[in-house]
Structures are given as structure tokens and as C-alpha cells.
Protein backbone atom coordinates (compact mmCIF):
# COMPACT_ATOMS: atom_id res chain seq x y z
CA UNK A 1 -90.68 77.77 -10.93
CA UNK A 2 -91.59 77.19 -7.31
CA UNK A 3 -91.82 80.19 -4.98
CA UNK A 4 -91.60 78.10 -1.81
CA UNK A 5 -88.15 77.99 -0.27
CA UNK A 6 -87.71 74.72 1.58
CA UNK A 7 -84.06 74.59 2.56
CA UNK A 8 -83.70 71.49 4.73
CA UNK A 9 -87.32 71.36 5.84
CA UNK A 10 -87.48 70.98 9.60
CA UNK A 11 -90.72 69.85 11.12
CA UNK A 12 -92.19 71.96 13.90
CA UNK A 13 -92.37 70.11 17.22
CA UNK A 14 -95.05 71.70 19.42
CA UNK A 15 -94.59 71.48 23.16
CA UNK A 16 -97.17 71.81 25.91
CA UNK A 17 -97.36 74.98 28.04
CA UNK A 18 -95.00 75.10 31.03
CA UNK A 19 -97.84 75.15 33.56
CA UNK A 20 -100.11 72.70 31.74
CA UNK A 21 -103.52 73.45 30.31
CA UNK A 22 -105.50 76.55 31.18
CA UNK A 23 -109.16 75.51 30.79
CA UNK A 24 -111.71 78.06 29.72
CA UNK A 25 -114.31 79.19 32.23
CA UNK A 26 -117.25 77.75 30.26
CA UNK A 27 -119.74 78.22 33.11
CA UNK A 28 -118.66 81.76 33.99
CA UNK A 29 -117.69 80.81 37.54
CA UNK A 30 -115.06 83.56 37.71
CA UNK A 31 -116.73 86.00 35.32
CA UNK A 32 -117.34 88.58 38.07
CA UNK A 33 -113.63 88.64 38.99
CA UNK A 34 -112.58 88.85 35.33
CA UNK A 35 -114.94 91.76 34.68
CA UNK A 36 -113.76 93.53 37.82
CA UNK A 37 -110.14 93.14 36.67
CA UNK A 38 -110.91 94.33 33.13
CA UNK A 39 -112.80 97.36 34.47
CA UNK A 40 -109.85 98.20 36.71
CA UNK A 41 -107.48 97.98 33.74
CA UNK A 42 -109.73 100.26 31.68
CA UNK A 43 -110.02 102.81 34.51
CA UNK A 44 -106.24 102.83 35.02
CA UNK A 45 -105.16 103.20 31.36
CA UNK A 46 -104.31 99.49 31.23
CA UNK A 47 -101.59 99.77 33.89
CA UNK A 48 -101.71 96.28 35.34
CA UNK A 49 -99.69 97.27 38.42
CA UNK A 50 -102.70 99.30 39.60
CA UNK A 51 -104.90 96.18 39.41
CA UNK A 52 -102.77 93.60 41.16
CA UNK A 53 -105.38 92.88 43.83
CA UNK A 54 -108.08 92.25 41.20
CA UNK A 55 -105.69 90.01 39.27
CA UNK A 56 -104.90 88.04 42.43
CA UNK A 57 -108.61 87.58 43.20
CA UNK A 58 -109.25 86.31 39.66
CA UNK A 59 -106.43 83.79 39.86
CA UNK A 60 -107.58 82.65 43.31
CA UNK A 61 -111.07 82.08 41.92
CA UNK A 62 -109.65 79.98 39.07
CA UNK A 63 -107.54 77.92 41.47
CA UNK A 64 -110.44 77.34 43.87
CA UNK A 65 -112.59 76.01 41.00
CA UNK A 66 -109.82 73.85 39.50
CA UNK A 67 -109.64 76.00 36.35
CA UNK A 68 -105.89 76.21 36.83
CA UNK A 69 -103.28 74.38 38.87
CA UNK A 70 -102.91 75.37 42.51
CA UNK A 71 -99.86 77.61 42.90
CA UNK A 72 -98.56 79.51 45.91
CA UNK A 73 -99.33 83.22 45.58
CA UNK A 74 -95.66 84.01 46.13
CA UNK A 75 -94.78 82.01 43.04
CA UNK A 76 -97.32 84.00 41.00
CA UNK A 77 -95.85 87.32 42.17
CA UNK A 78 -98.43 88.15 44.83
CA UNK A 79 -96.43 87.44 48.00
CA UNK A 80 -96.92 90.99 49.25
CA UNK A 81 -100.72 90.74 48.78
CA UNK A 82 -101.19 87.32 50.39
CA UNK A 83 -102.72 88.49 53.68
CA UNK A 84 -105.07 91.06 52.14
CA UNK A 85 -107.72 88.41 51.41
CA UNK A 86 -108.26 87.82 55.14
CA UNK A 87 -108.13 91.57 55.85
CA UNK A 88 -110.80 92.27 53.21
CA UNK A 89 -113.15 89.69 54.72
CA UNK A 90 -112.88 91.22 58.24
């Protein structure tokens, strides 16, 4: 007696991610930003709201190096932090 239950077997149709591929950072170009973000998460009991600036910097690094598609910061939820990059450099 077979234990598999195949009632009207439907084949799974995979679909690509909504935003396309998300290439790995093989050369560690954004490793510093990733480590800074992970350290912030650890120091703040993994409350990601406390590390929004570090998250934004990591995503900016990935966009600058074509490791992810260019997206406006507002669309990624960082509209309120947009001008802090220029302030930090001053």
C-alpha cells in the first residue's frame, strides 16, 4: 500500500522574485556595511528600527556596486533618512 497521497497532482510553478535577482557579494565589497549593520542589531537586541541608518548604508553600497537594482530610498522605506548621507559627510 502506498503512503504517498497524490490527489490530483499539481505541479509547482516557481516564479522569479518581485525585484529580480539579488546577487551575492562574492568580493566582499559591502562587507564593512553588513558587519556594521549586524553589530548594530546585536547591540540593540535585534531591533531593526534602531539600525535603520546602517541598513540604508548597506543597501546604498549594494546599489552603487550593482549588487541590486537601483531603487529610490523612499521606495525602500528610507525617505526620512535620505538627506543624512550628505549630513554625515559634512
